[in-house]
PDB file of N, CA and C in Angstrom:
ATOM      1  N   MET A   1     -16.464 -22.184   6.535  1.00  0.00           N
ATOM      2  CA  MET A   1     -15.153 -22.109   7.218  1.00  0.00           C
ATOM      3  C   MET A   1     -14.502 -20.921   7.069  1.00  0.00           C
ATOM      4  N   ALA A   2     -13.982 -20.598   8.303  1.00  0.00           N
ATOM      5  CA  ALA A   2     -13.159 -19.133   8.219  1.00  0.00           C
ATOM      6  C   ALA A   2     -12.059 -19.456   7.693  1.00  0.00           C
ATOM      7  N   SER A   3     -11.801 -18.140   6.973  1.00  0.00           N
ATOM      8  CA  SER A   3     -10.442 -18.410   6.321  1.00  0.00           C
ATOM      9  C   SER A   3      -9.216 -17.520   7.650  1.00  0.00           C
ATOM     10  N   PRO A   4      -8.102 -18.152   7.246  1.00  0.00           N
ATOM     11  CA  PRO A   4      -6.718 -18.320   7.963  1.00  0.00           C
ATOM     12  C   PRO A   4      -6.822 -17.018   8.516  1.00  0.00           C
ATOM     13  N   SER A   5      -6.132 -16.349   9.598  1.00  0.00           N
ATOM     14  CA  SER A   5      -5.790 -15.209  10.248  1.00  0.00           C
ATOM     15  C   SER A   5      -4.796 -14.943   9.213  1.00  0.00           C
ATOM     16  N   PRO A   6      -4.461 -13.378   9.059  1.00  0.00           N
ATOM     17  CA  PRO A   6      -3.887 -12.813   7.795  1.00  0.00           C
ATOM     18  C   PRO A   6      -2.414 -12.804   8.608  1.00  0.00           C
ATOM     19  N   VAL A   7      -1.216 -12.831   8.193  1.00  0.00           N
ATOM     20  CA  VAL A   7      -0.228 -12.865   8.641  1.00  0.00           C
ATOM     21  C   VAL A   7       0.258 -11.291   8.703  1.00  0.00           C
ATOM     22  N   ILE A   8       1.002 -10.826  10.066  1.00  0.00           N
ATOM     23  CA  ILE A   8       1.212  -9.881  10.703  1.00  0.00           C
ATOM     24  C   ILE A   8       2.717  -9.566  10.184  1.00  0.00           C
ATOM     25  N   ASP A   9       2.954  -8.762   8.940  1.00  0.00           N
ATOM     26  CA  ASP A   9       4.049  -8.850   8.000  1.00  0.00           C
ATOM     27  C   ASP A   9       4.956  -7.308   8.516  1.00  0.00           C
ATOM     28  N   THR A  10       6.382  -7.284   8.541  1.00  0.00           N
ATOM     29  CA  THR A  10       7.399  -6.348   8.923  1.00  0.00           C
ATOM     30  C   THR A  10       8.006  -5.665   7.606  1.00  0.00           C
ATOM     31  N   GLU A  11       7.882  -6.397   6.559  1.00  0.00           N
ATOM     32  CA  GLU A  11       8.651  -6.391   5.010  1.00  0.00           C
ATOM     33  C   GLU A  11       7.954  -5.223   4.674  1.00  0.00           C
ATOM     34  N   VAL A  12       6.732  -4.885   4.934  1.00  0.00           N
ATOM     35  CA  VAL A  12       6.044  -3.526   4.164  1.00  0.00           C
ATOM     36  C   VAL A  12       5.604  -2.864   5.218  1.00  0.00           C
ATOM     37  N   SER A  13       5.421  -1.290   5.368  1.00  0.00           N
ATOM     38  CA  SER A  13       5.180  -0.858   6.611  1.00  0.00           C
ATOM     39  C   SER A  13       4.205   0.662   5.889  1.00  0.00           C
ATOM     40  N   LEU A  14       3.351   1.185   6.915  1.00  0.00           N
ATOM     41  CA  LEU A  14       2.378   2.266   6.862  1.00  0.00           C
ATOM     42  C   LEU A  14       3.284   3.266   7.681  1.00  0.00           C
ATOM     43  N   THR A  15       3.782   4.398   7.175  1.00  0.00           N
ATOM     44  CA  THR A  15       3.905   5.646   8.081  1.00  0.00           C
ATOM     45  C   THR A  15       2.863   5.879   8.881  1.00  0.00           C
ATOM     46  N   PRO A  16       2.732   6.625  10.223  1.00  0.00           N
ATOM     47  CA  PRO A  16       1.411   7.382  11.003  1.00  0.00           C
ATOM     48  C   PRO A  16       0.910   8.761   9.852  1.00  0.00           C
ATOM     49  N   ALA A  17       1.421   9.136   8.864  1.00  0.00           N
ATOM     50  CA  ALA A  17       0.576   9.793   7.954  1.00  0.00           C
ATOM     51  C   ALA A  17       0.054   9.192   7.000  1.00  0.00           C
ATOM     52  N   ALA A  18       0.351   8.302   6.299  1.00  0.00           N
ATOM     53  CA  ALA A  18      -0.553   7.485   5.801  1.00  0.00           C
ATOM     54  C   ALA A  18      -1.526   6.679   6.591  1.00  0.00           C
ATOM     55  N   ALA A  19      -1.397   6.183   8.082  1.00  0.00           N
ATOM     56  CA  ALA A  19      -2.318   5.730   8.657  1.00  0.00           C
ATOM     57  C   ALA A  19      -3.498   6.524   8.804  1.00  0.00           C
ATOM     58  N   ALA A  20      -3.000   7.520   9.073  1.00  0.00           N
ATOM     59  CA  ALA A  20      -4.029   8.792   9.855  1.00  0.00           C
ATOM     60  C   ALA A  20      -5.094   9.083   8.382  1.00  0.00           C
ATOM     61  N   ARG A  21      -4.492   8.990   7.516  1.00  0.00           N
ATOM     62  CA  ARG A  21      -5.080   9.673   6.141  1.00  0.00           C
ATOM     63  C   ARG A  21      -6.014   8.399   5.449  1.00  0.00           C
ATOM     64  N   VAL A  22      -5.691   7.234   5.588  1.00  0.00           N
ATOM     65  CA  VAL A  22      -6.352   6.057   5.711  1.00  0.00           C
ATOM     66  C   VAL A  22      -7.430   5.859   6.379  1.00  0.00           C
ATOM     67  N   ALA A  23      -7.427   6.474   7.372  1.00  0.00           N
ATOM     68  CA  ALA A  23      -8.487   5.998   8.610  1.00  0.00           C
ATOM     69  C   ALA A  23      -9.324   7.339   8.211  1.00  0.00           C
ATOM     70  N   ALA A  24      -9.550   8.466   7.984  1.00  0.00           N
ATOM     71  CA  ALA A  24     -10.010   9.779   7.682  1.00  0.00           C
ATOM     72  C   ALA A  24     -10.599   9.334   6.506  1.00  0.00           C
ATOM     73  N   ILE A  25     -10.066   8.416   5.184  1.00  0.00           N
ATOM     74  CA  ILE A  25     -11.077   8.476   4.205  1.00  0.00           C
ATOM     75  C   ILE A  25     -12.073   7.206   4.435  1.00  0.00           C
ATOM     76  N   ALA A  26     -11.477   6.289   5.235  1.00  0.00           N
ATOM     77  CA  ALA A  26     -12.148   5.039   5.569  1.00  0.00           C
ATOM     78  C   ALA A  26     -13.395   5.501   6.139  1.00  0.00           C
ATOM     79  N   GLU A  27     -13.478   6.432   7.259  1.00  0.00           N
ATOM     80  CA  GLU A  27     -14.478   7.037   8.017  1.00  0.00           C
ATOM     81  C   GLU A  27     -15.421   7.457   7.045  1.00  0.00           C
ATOM     82  N   ARG A  28     -15.020   8.715   6.174  1.00  0.00           N
ATOM     83  CA  ARG A  28     -15.618   8.754   5.611  1.00  0.00           C
ATOM     84  C   ARG A  28     -17.006   8.244   4.728  1.00  0.00           C
ATOM     85  N   GLN A  29     -16.339   6.996   4.042  1.00  0.00           N
ATOM     86  CA  GLN A  29     -16.586   6.185   3.542  1.00  0.00           C
ATOM     87  C   GLN A  29     -17.241   4.968   3.744  1.00  0.00           C
ATOM     88  N   GLY A  30     -17.521   5.009   5.339  1.00  0.00           N
ATOM     89  CA  GLY A  30     -17.982   4.252   5.966  1.00  0.00           C
ATOM     90  C   GLY A  30     -17.176   2.434   5.935  1.00  0.00           C
ATOM     91  N   LYS A  31     -16.492   2.852   5.750  1.00  0.00           N
ATOM     92  CA  LYS A  31     -15.596   1.033   5.202  1.00  0.00           C
ATOM     93  C   LYS A  31     -14.282   0.573   6.527  1.00  0.00           C
ATOM     94  N   PRO A  32     -13.819  -0.374   6.694  1.00  0.00           N
ATOM     95  CA  PRO A  32     -12.819  -0.506   7.698  1.00  0.00           C
ATOM     96  C   PRO A  32     -11.554   0.257   7.058  1.00  0.00           C
ATOM     97  N   ALA A  33     -10.793   0.369   8.302  1.00  0.00           N
ATOM     98  CA  ALA A  33      -9.434   1.417   7.865  1.00  0.00           C
ATOM     99  C   ALA A  33      -8.474  -0.125   7.339  1.00  0.00           C
ATOM    100  N   ILE A  34      -8.301  -0.187   6.084  1.00  0.00           N
ATOM    101  CA  ILE A  34      -7.842  -1.100   5.447  1.00  0.00           C
ATOM    102  C   ILE A  34      -7.221  -0.875   3.940  1.00  0.00           C
ATOM    103  N   LEU A  35      -6.156  -0.423   3.889  1.00  0.00           N
ATOM    104  CA  LEU A  35      -5.437  -0.072   2.419  1.00  0.00           C
ATOM    105  C   LEU A  35      -4.726  -1.167   2.045  1.00  0.00           C
ATOM    106  N   ARG A  36      -5.314  -1.396   0.584  1.00  0.00           N
ATOM    107  CA  ARG A  36      -4.644  -2.326  -0.169  1.00  0.00           C
ATOM    108  C   ARG A  36      -3.520  -1.568  -1.662  1.00  0.00           C
ATOM    109  N   LEU A  37      -2.435  -2.278  -1.395  1.00  0.00           N
ATOM    110  CA  LEU A  37      -1.434  -1.586  -1.887  1.00  0.00           C
ATOM    111  C   LEU A  37      -1.120  -2.766  -3.366  1.00  0.00           C
ATOM    112  N   SER A  38      -0.994  -2.832  -4.494  1.00  0.00           N
ATOM    113  CA  SER A  38      -0.893  -3.807  -5.543  1.00  0.00           C
ATOM    114  C   SER A  38      -0.404  -3.449  -6.434  1.00  0.00           C
ATOM    115  N   VAL A  39       0.384  -4.249  -7.185  1.00  0.00           N
ATOM    116  CA  VAL A  39       1.263  -3.836  -8.531  1.00  0.00           C
ATOM    117  C   VAL A  39       0.345  -4.400  -9.905  1.00  0.00           C
ATOM    118  N   ASP A  40       0.178  -3.262 -10.358  1.00  0.00           N
ATOM    119  CA  ASP A  40      -0.600  -3.725 -11.829  1.00  0.00           C
ATOM    120  C   ASP A  40       1.027  -3.314 -12.912  1.00  0.00           C
ATOM    121  N   GLY A  41       0.656  -4.370 -14.186  1.00  0.00           N
ATOM    122  CA  GLY A  41       1.864  -4.001 -15.423  1.00  0.00           C
ATOM    123  C   GLY A  41       1.241  -2.633 -15.931  1.00  0.00           C
ATOM    124  N   GLY A  42       2.119  -2.005 -16.378  1.00  0.00           N
ATOM    125  CA  GLY A  42       1.473  -0.811 -17.180  1.00  0.00           C
ATOM    126  C   GLY A  42       2.615   0.506 -16.981  1.00  0.00           C
ATOM    127  N   GLY A  43       2.163   1.688 -16.996  1.00  0.00           N
ATOM    128  CA  GLY A  43       2.652   3.069 -16.712  1.00  0.00           C
ATOM    129  C   GLY A  43       3.848   3.123 -17.203  1.00  0.00           C
ATOM    130  N   CYS A  44       4.219   4.072 -17.037  1.00  0.00           N
ATOM    131  CA  CYS A  44       5.564   4.577 -18.446  1.00  0.00           C
ATOM    132  C   CYS A  44       6.598   3.831 -17.580  1.00  0.00           C
ATOM    133  N   SER A  45       6.937   3.062 -16.375  1.00  0.00           N
ATOM    134  CA  SER A  45       8.205   2.294 -16.426  1.00  0.00           C
ATOM    135  C   SER A  45       7.888   0.751 -16.208  1.00  0.00           C
ATOM    136  N   GLY A  46       7.017   0.632 -16.673  1.00  0.00           N
ATOM    137  CA  GLY A  46       6.461  -0.896 -16.575  1.00  0.00           C
ATOM    138  C   GLY A  46       5.821  -1.536 -15.618  1.00  0.00           C
ATOM    139  N   PHE A  47       6.116  -1.053 -14.051  1.00  0.00           N
ATOM    140  CA  PHE A  47       5.057  -1.319 -13.224  1.00  0.00           C
ATOM    141  C   PHE A  47       4.295  -0.231 -12.903  1.00  0.00           C
ATOM    142  N   GLN A  48       3.175  -0.170 -12.123  1.00  0.00           N
ATOM    143  CA  GLN A  48       2.516   0.936 -11.426  1.00  0.00           C
ATOM    144  C   GLN A  48       1.572   0.499 -10.048  1.00  0.00           C
ATOM    145  N   TYR A  49       1.688   1.183  -9.445  1.00  0.00           N
ATOM    146  CA  TYR A  49       0.945   0.968  -7.928  1.00  0.00           C
ATOM    147  C   TYR A  49      -0.277   1.116  -8.331  1.00  0.00           C
ATOM    148  N   LYS A  50      -0.869   0.228  -7.047  1.00  0.00           N
ATOM    149  CA  LYS A  50      -2.483   0.944  -7.100  1.00  0.00           C
ATOM    150  C   LYS A  50      -2.956   0.350  -5.737  1.00  0.00           C
ATOM    151  N   PHE A  51      -3.551   1.781  -5.417  1.00  0.00           N
ATOM    152  CA  PHE A  51      -4.210   1.502  -3.930  1.00  0.00           C
ATOM    153  C   PHE A  51      -5.948   1.799  -4.133  1.00  0.00           C
ATOM    154  N   GLY A  52      -6.032   1.369  -2.717  1.00  0.00           N
ATOM    155  CA  GLY A  52      -7.783   1.268  -2.849  1.00  0.00           C
ATOM    156  C   GLY A  52      -7.979   0.322  -1.345  1.00  0.00           C
ATOM    157  N   LEU A  53      -9.266   0.824  -1.088  1.00  0.00           N
ATOM    158  CA  LEU A  53      -9.551   0.529   0.454  1.00  0.00           C
ATOM    159  C   LEU A  53     -10.119  -0.909   0.450  1.00  0.00           C
ATOM    160  N   ALA A  54      -9.891  -1.789   1.159  1.00  0.00           N
ATOM    161  CA  ALA A  54     -10.489  -3.211   1.331  1.00  0.00           C
ATOM    162  C   ALA A  54     -11.424  -3.358   2.428  1.00  0.00           C
ATOM    163  N   ASP A  55     -12.191  -4.326   2.093  1.00  0.00           N
ATOM    164  CA  ASP A  55     -13.483  -4.488   2.706  1.00  0.00           C
ATOM    165  C   ASP A  55     -12.629  -5.663   4.486  1.00  0.00           C
ATOM    166  N   ALA A  56     -11.449  -6.528   3.467  1.00  0.00           N
ATOM    167  CA  ALA A  56     -10.585  -7.469   4.633  1.00  0.00           C
ATOM    168  C   ALA A  56      -9.650  -7.786   3.918  1.00  0.00           C
ATOM    169  N   PRO A  57      -8.636  -8.337   4.792  1.00  0.00           N
ATOM    170  CA  PRO A  57      -7.385  -9.084   3.869  1.00  0.00           C
ATOM    171  C   PRO A  57      -8.070  -9.986   3.425  1.00  0.00           C
ATOM    172  N   GLU A  58      -7.508 -10.829   2.310  1.00  0.00           N
ATOM    173  CA  GLU A  58      -7.292 -11.928   1.814  1.00  0.00           C
ATOM    174  C   GLU A  58      -7.070 -12.630   2.160  1.00  0.00           C
ATOM    175  N   ALA A  59      -6.732 -14.407   1.956  1.00  0.00           N
ATOM    176  CA  ALA A  59      -5.824 -15.298   2.581  1.00  0.00           C
ATOM    177  C   ALA A  59      -4.692 -15.415   2.139  1.00  0.00           C
ATOM    178  N   ASP A  60      -4.161 -14.638   0.764  1.00  0.00           N
ATOM    179  CA  ASP A  60      -2.736 -14.789   0.678  1.00  0.00           C
ATOM    180  C   ASP A  60      -1.834 -13.665   0.855  1.00  0.00           C
ATOM    181  N   ASP A  61      -3.018 -12.766   1.882  1.00  0.00           N
ATOM    182  CA  ASP A  61      -2.470 -11.366   1.839  1.00  0.00           C
ATOM    183  C   ASP A  61      -1.409 -11.383   3.256  1.00  0.00           C
ATOM    184  N   VAL A  62      -0.192 -10.697   3.221  1.00  0.00           N
ATOM    185  CA  VAL A  62       0.279 -10.255   4.254  1.00  0.00           C
ATOM    186  C   VAL A  62      -0.170  -8.663   4.560  1.00  0.00           C
ATOM    187  N   VAL A  63      -0.032  -8.448   6.287  1.00  0.00           N
ATOM    188  CA  VAL A  63      -0.532  -7.383   6.477  1.00  0.00           C
ATOM    189  C   VAL A  63       0.464  -6.708   7.675  1.00  0.00           C
ATOM    190  N   ALA A  64       0.494  -5.429   7.562  1.00  0.00           N
ATOM    191  CA  ALA A  64       1.634  -4.587   8.532  1.00  0.00           C
ATOM    192  C   ALA A  64       0.067  -3.168   8.734  1.00  0.00           C
ATOM    193  N   GLU A  65       0.605  -3.448  10.317  1.00  0.00           N
ATOM    194  CA  GLU A  65      -0.593  -2.527  11.002  1.00  0.00           C
ATOM    195  C   GLU A  65       0.096  -1.351  11.818  1.00  0.00           C
ATOM    196  N   THR A  66      -0.563  -0.154  11.544  1.00  0.00           N
ATOM    197  CA  THR A  66      -0.078   1.022  11.987  1.00  0.00           C
ATOM    198  C   THR A  66      -1.463   1.582  12.622  1.00  0.00           C
ATOM    199  N   ASP A  67      -1.091   1.849  13.878  1.00  0.00           N
ATOM    200  CA  ASP A  67      -1.928   2.858  14.686  1.00  0.00           C
ATOM    201  C   ASP A  67      -3.503   2.720  14.116  1.00  0.00           C
ATOM    202  N   GLY A  68      -3.719   1.039  14.205  1.00  0.00           N
ATOM    203  CA  GLY A  68      -4.887   0.509  14.262  1.00  0.00           C
ATOM    204  C   GLY A  68      -5.413   0.469  12.522  1.00  0.00           C
ATOM    205  N   VAL A  69      -4.584   0.935  11.920  1.00  0.00           N
ATOM    206  CA  VAL A  69      -5.152   0.808  10.272  1.00  0.00           C
ATOM    207  C   VAL A  69      -3.936  -0.640   9.659  1.00  0.00           C
ATOM    208  N   ARG A  70      -4.598  -1.129   8.734  1.00  0.00           N
ATOM    209  CA  ARG A  70      -3.820  -2.109   8.294  1.00  0.00           C
ATOM    210  C   ARG A  70      -3.292  -1.959   6.777  1.00  0.00           C
ATOM    211  N   LEU A  71      -2.591  -2.247   6.506  1.00  0.00           N
ATOM    212  CA  LEU A  71      -1.713  -1.996   4.922  1.00  0.00           C
ATOM    213  C   LEU A  71      -1.494  -3.611   4.678  1.00  0.00           C
ATOM    214  N   VAL A  72      -3.088  -3.931   3.279  1.00  0.00           N
ATOM    215  CA  VAL A  72      -2.513  -5.233   2.635  1.00  0.00           C
ATOM    216  C   VAL A  72      -1.986  -5.178   1.400  1.00  0.00           C
ATOM    217  N   VAL A  73      -1.042  -6.477   1.426  1.00  0.00           N
ATOM    218  CA  VAL A  73      -0.536  -6.311   0.126  1.00  0.00           C
ATOM    219  C   VAL A  73      -0.828  -8.009  -0.265  1.00  0.00           C
ATOM    220  N   ASP A  74      -1.258  -8.543  -1.423  1.00  0.00           N
ATOM    221  CA  ASP A  74      -1.052 -10.015  -1.821  1.00  0.00           C
ATOM    222  C   ASP A  74       0.306 -10.234  -2.349  1.00  0.00           C
ATOM    223  N   SER A  75       0.130 -11.792  -2.075  1.00  0.00           N
ATOM    224  CA  SER A  75       1.579 -12.170  -2.224  1.00  0.00           C
ATOM    225  C   SER A  75       2.323 -12.015  -3.436  1.00  0.00           C
ATOM    226  N   VAL A  76       1.692 -12.072  -4.523  1.00  0.00           N
ATOM    227  CA  VAL A  76       2.144 -12.005  -5.856  1.00  0.00           C
ATOM    228  C   VAL A  76       2.999 -10.250  -6.047  1.00  0.00           C
ATOM    229  N   SER A  77       2.095  -9.257  -5.129  1.00  0.00           N
ATOM    230  CA  SER A  77       2.649  -7.931  -5.253  1.00  0.00           C
ATOM    231  C   SER A  77       3.747  -7.616  -4.709  1.00  0.00           C
ATOM    232  N   LEU A  78       3.768  -8.562  -3.334  1.00  0.00           N
ATOM    233  CA  LEU A  78       4.796  -8.508  -2.270  1.00  0.00           C
ATOM    234  C   LEU A  78       6.325  -8.790  -2.553  1.00  0.00           C
ATOM    235  N   ASP A  79       6.290  -9.535  -3.626  1.00  0.00           N
ATOM    236  CA  ASP A  79       7.698  -9.789  -4.381  1.00  0.00           C
ATOM    237  C   ASP A  79       8.244  -8.597  -4.865  1.00  0.00           C
ATOM    238  N   LEU A  80       7.425  -7.552  -5.301  1.00  0.00           N
ATOM    239  CA  LEU A  80       7.701  -6.488  -6.305  1.00  0.00           C
ATOM    240  C   LEU A  80       7.632  -5.169  -5.259  1.00  0.00           C
ATOM    241  N   VAL A  81       7.295  -5.336  -3.950  1.00  0.00           N
ATOM    242  CA  VAL A  81       7.526  -4.027  -2.630  1.00  0.00           C
ATOM    243  C   VAL A  81       7.759  -4.643  -1.690  1.00  0.00           C
ATOM    244  N   ARG A  82       8.545  -5.556  -1.681  1.00  0.00           N
ATOM    245  CA  ARG A  82       9.296  -6.200  -0.229  1.00  0.00           C
ATOM    246  C   ARG A  82      10.279  -5.139   0.197  1.00  0.00           C
ATOM    247  N   GLY A  83       9.863  -4.676   1.558  1.00  0.00           N
ATOM    248  CA  GLY A  83      10.560  -3.603   1.586  1.00  0.00           C
ATOM    249  C   GLY A  83      10.111  -2.115   2.178  1.00  0.00           C
ATOM    250  N   ALA A  84       9.115  -1.873   1.112  1.00  0.00           N
ATOM    251  CA  ALA A  84       8.609  -1.070   0.937  1.00  0.00           C
ATOM    252  C   ALA A  84       8.087  -0.163   2.267  1.00  0.00           C
ATOM    253  N   ARG A  85       7.830   1.390   1.993  1.00  0.00           N
ATOM    254  CA  ARG A  85       7.192   2.008   2.857  1.00  0.00           C
ATOM    255  C   ARG A  85       6.268   2.862   2.147  1.00  0.00           C
ATOM    256  N   VAL A  86       4.855   3.028   2.715  1.00  0.00           N
ATOM    257  CA  VAL A  86       3.761   3.839   2.514  1.00  0.00           C
ATOM    258  C   VAL A  86       3.772   4.773   3.068  1.00  0.00           C
ATOM    259  N   ASP A  87       3.787   6.075   2.268  1.00  0.00           N
ATOM    260  CA  ASP A  87       3.723   7.341   3.269  1.00  0.00           C
ATOM    261  C   ASP A  87       2.365   8.282   2.334  1.00  0.00           C
ATOM    262  N   PHE A  88       2.307   9.032   3.346  1.00  0.00           N
ATOM    263  CA  PHE A  88       1.231  10.349   2.552  1.00  0.00           C
ATOM    264  C   PHE A  88       2.035  11.541   2.916  1.00  0.00           C
ATOM    265  N   VAL A  89       1.537  12.226   1.529  1.00  0.00           N
ATOM    266  CA  VAL A  89       2.433  13.584   1.617  1.00  0.00           C
ATOM    267  C   VAL A  89       2.098  14.395   0.790  1.00  0.00           C
ATOM    268  N   GLU A  90       1.523  15.672   1.706  1.00  0.00           N
ATOM    269  CA  GLU A  90       1.440  16.849   1.201  1.00  0.00           C
ATOM    270  C   GLU A  90       2.327  17.797   0.691  1.00  0.00           C
ATOM    271  N   SER A  91       2.220  18.500  -0.084  1.00  0.00           N
ATOM    272  CA  SER A  91       3.270  19.828  -0.699  1.00  0.00           C
ATOM    273  C   SER A  91       2.752  20.688  -1.536  1.00  0.00           C
ATOM    274  N   LEU A  92       3.432  21.780  -1.898  1.00  0.00           N
ATOM    275  CA  LEU A  92       2.302  22.405  -2.770  1.00  0.00           C
ATOM    276  C   LEU A  92       1.758  21.660  -4.367  1.00  0.00           C
ATOM    277  N   GLY A  93       2.589  20.723  -4.269  1.00  0.00           N
ATOM    278  CA  GLY A  93       2.061  19.869  -6.153  1.00  0.00           C
ATOM    279  C   GLY A  93       0.988  19.255  -5.534  1.00  0.00           C
ATOM    280  N   GLY A  94       0.188  19.220  -4.409  1.00  0.00           N
ATOM    281  CA  GLY A  94      -0.556  17.996  -3.882  1.00  0.00           C
ATOM    282  C   GLY A  94      -0.379  17.117  -2.821  1.00  0.00           C
ATOM    283  N   ALA A  95      -1.176  15.974  -2.701  1.00  0.00           N
ATOM    284  CA  ALA A  95      -1.367  15.352  -1.726  1.00  0.00           C
ATOM    285  C   ALA A  95      -1.709  14.006  -2.415  1.00  0.00           C
ATOM    286  N   ALA A  96      -0.241  13.081  -1.541  1.00  0.00           N
ATOM    287  CA  ALA A  96      -0.665  11.958  -2.256  1.00  0.00           C
ATOM    288  C   ALA A  96      -0.092  10.511  -1.723  1.00  0.00           C
ATOM    289  N   PHE A  97      -0.450   9.055  -1.713  1.00  0.00           N
ATOM    290  CA  PHE A  97       0.368   8.104  -1.125  1.00  0.00           C
ATOM    291  C   PHE A  97       1.602   8.101  -1.948  1.00  0.00           C
ATOM    292  N   GLN A  98       2.339   7.890  -1.386  1.00  0.00           N
ATOM    293  CA  GLN A  98       3.927   7.419  -2.005  1.00  0.00           C
ATOM    294  C   GLN A  98       4.382   6.125  -1.484  1.00  0.00           C
ATOM    295  N   VAL A  99       4.995   5.657  -2.604  1.00  0.00           N
ATOM    296  CA  VAL A  99       5.937   4.094  -2.190  1.00  0.00           C
ATOM    297  C   VAL A  99       7.099   4.295  -1.947  1.00  0.00           C
ATOM    298  N   ALA A 100       7.956   3.940  -1.141  1.00  0.00           N
ATOM    299  CA  ALA A 100       9.356   4.204  -0.972  1.00  0.00           C
ATOM    300  C   ALA A 100       9.738   2.577  -1.131  1.00  0.00           C
ATOM    301  N   ASN A 101      10.388   2.157  -2.306  1.00  0.00           N
ATOM    302  CA  ASN A 101      10.501   1.034  -2.663  1.00  0.00           C
ATOM    303  C   ASN A 101      11.755   0.542  -2.563  1.00  0.00           C
ATOM    304  N   PRO A 102      12.562  -0.075  -2.033  1.00  0.00           N
ATOM    305  CA  PRO A 102      13.859  -0.756  -2.252  1.00  0.00           C
ATOM    306  C   PRO A 102      14.092  -1.301  -3.524  1.00  0.00           C
ATOM    307  N   GLN A 103      13.010  -2.171  -3.558  1.00  0.00           N
ATOM    308  CA  GLN A 103      12.853  -3.098  -4.666  1.00  0.00           C
ATOM    309  C   GLN A 103      12.878  -2.348  -6.400  1.00  0.00           C
ATOM    310  N   ALA A 104      12.572  -1.181  -6.435  1.00  0.00           N
ATOM    311  CA  ALA A 104      12.603  -0.284  -7.467  1.00  0.00           C
ATOM    312  C   ALA A 104      13.896   0.048  -8.301  1.00  0.00           C
ATOM    313  N   ALA A 105      14.404  -0.335  -9.287  1.00  0.00           N
ATOM    314  CA  ALA A 105      15.557  -0.216  -9.904  1.00  0.00           C
ATOM    315  C   ALA A 105      15.372   1.391 -10.381  1.00  0.00           C
ATOM    316  N   SER A 106      14.212   1.785 -11.139  1.00  0.00           N
ATOM    317  CA  SER A 106      13.461   3.137 -11.265  1.00  0.00           C
ATOM    318  C   SER A 106      12.563   3.484 -11.448  1.00  0.00           C
ATOM    319  N   GLY A 107      12.369   4.775 -11.236  1.00  0.00           N
ATOM    320  CA  GLY A 107      10.904   5.353 -11.205  1.00  0.00           C
ATOM    321  C   GLY A 107      10.794   5.757 -12.586  1.00  0.00           C
ATOM    322  N   CYS A 108       9.760   6.539 -12.306  1.00  0.00           N
ATOM    323  CA  CYS A 108       9.477   8.063 -12.862  1.00  0.00           C
ATOM    324  C   CYS A 108       8.984   9.151 -12.304  1.00  0.00           C
ATOM    325  N   GLY A 109       8.714  10.706 -12.799  1.00  0.00           N
ATOM    326  CA  GLY A 109       8.614  11.580 -12.400  1.00  0.00           C
ATOM    327  C   GLY A 109       7.109  11.597 -11.739  1.00  0.00           C
ATOM    328  N   CYS A 110       5.574  10.608 -11.892  1.00  0.00           N
ATOM    329  CA  CYS A 110       4.909  10.786 -11.471  1.00  0.00           C
ATOM    330  C   CYS A 110       4.729  10.126  -9.904  1.00  0.00           C
ATOM    331  N   GLY A 111       5.757   9.340  -9.924  1.00  0.00           N
ATOM    332  CA  GLY A 111       6.004   8.672  -8.826  1.00  0.00           C
ATOM    333  C   GLY A 111       5.169   7.352  -8.222  1.00  0.00           C
ATOM    334  N   THR A 112       4.164   7.005  -9.401  1.00  0.00           N
ATOM    335  CA  THR A 112       3.327   5.945  -9.337  1.00  0.00           C
ATOM    336  C   THR A 112       4.088   4.742 -10.566  1.00  0.00           C
ATOM    337  N   SER A 113       4.906   4.824 -10.725  1.00  0.00           N
ATOM    338  CA  SER A 113       5.179   3.905 -11.541  1.00  0.00           C
ATOM    339  C   SER A 113       6.691   2.981 -11.457  1.00  0.00           C
ATOM    340  N   PHE A 114       6.855   2.250 -11.628  1.00  0.00           N
ATOM    341  CA  PHE A 114       8.747   1.700 -11.615  1.00  0.00           C
ATOM    342  C   PHE A 114       9.086   0.819 -12.341  1.00  0.00           C
ATOM    343  N   SER A 115      10.337   0.405 -12.465  1.00  0.00           N
ATOM    344  CA  SER A 115      10.909  -0.798 -12.852  1.00  0.00           C
ATOM    345  C   SER A 115      11.765  -1.551 -11.730  1.00  0.00           C
ATOM    346  N   VAL A 116      11.803  -2.917 -12.291  1.00  0.00           N
ATOM    347  CA  VAL A 116      13.296  -3.760 -11.345  1.00  0.00           C
ATOM    348  C   VAL A 116      14.077  -4.011 -12.002  1.00  0.00           C
TER     349      VAL A 116
END
């Protein structure tokens, strides 16, 4: 039995720069252009963002799509990142995915940890 179609969600988004970077990484690794954003407990502020390529959306995922690249977030993590925008930023300090999260009450200097 096929799993239900993922829900296209406008509550999270992926910028064109992030979509281009995910597409490039996925192509090099021979994987679909699907970026999974999840939230784990830990980090210096209480929660931390976790990124990885996914083979396919899970049944409880919400999905946002930009330029043919999908961002998937599980329903538990969505409560902590609702309204977030994932970007890819290159600077003198390096290159990284960054999350602009309106749910975060505070963050830390590393940019990967937050509290609500």
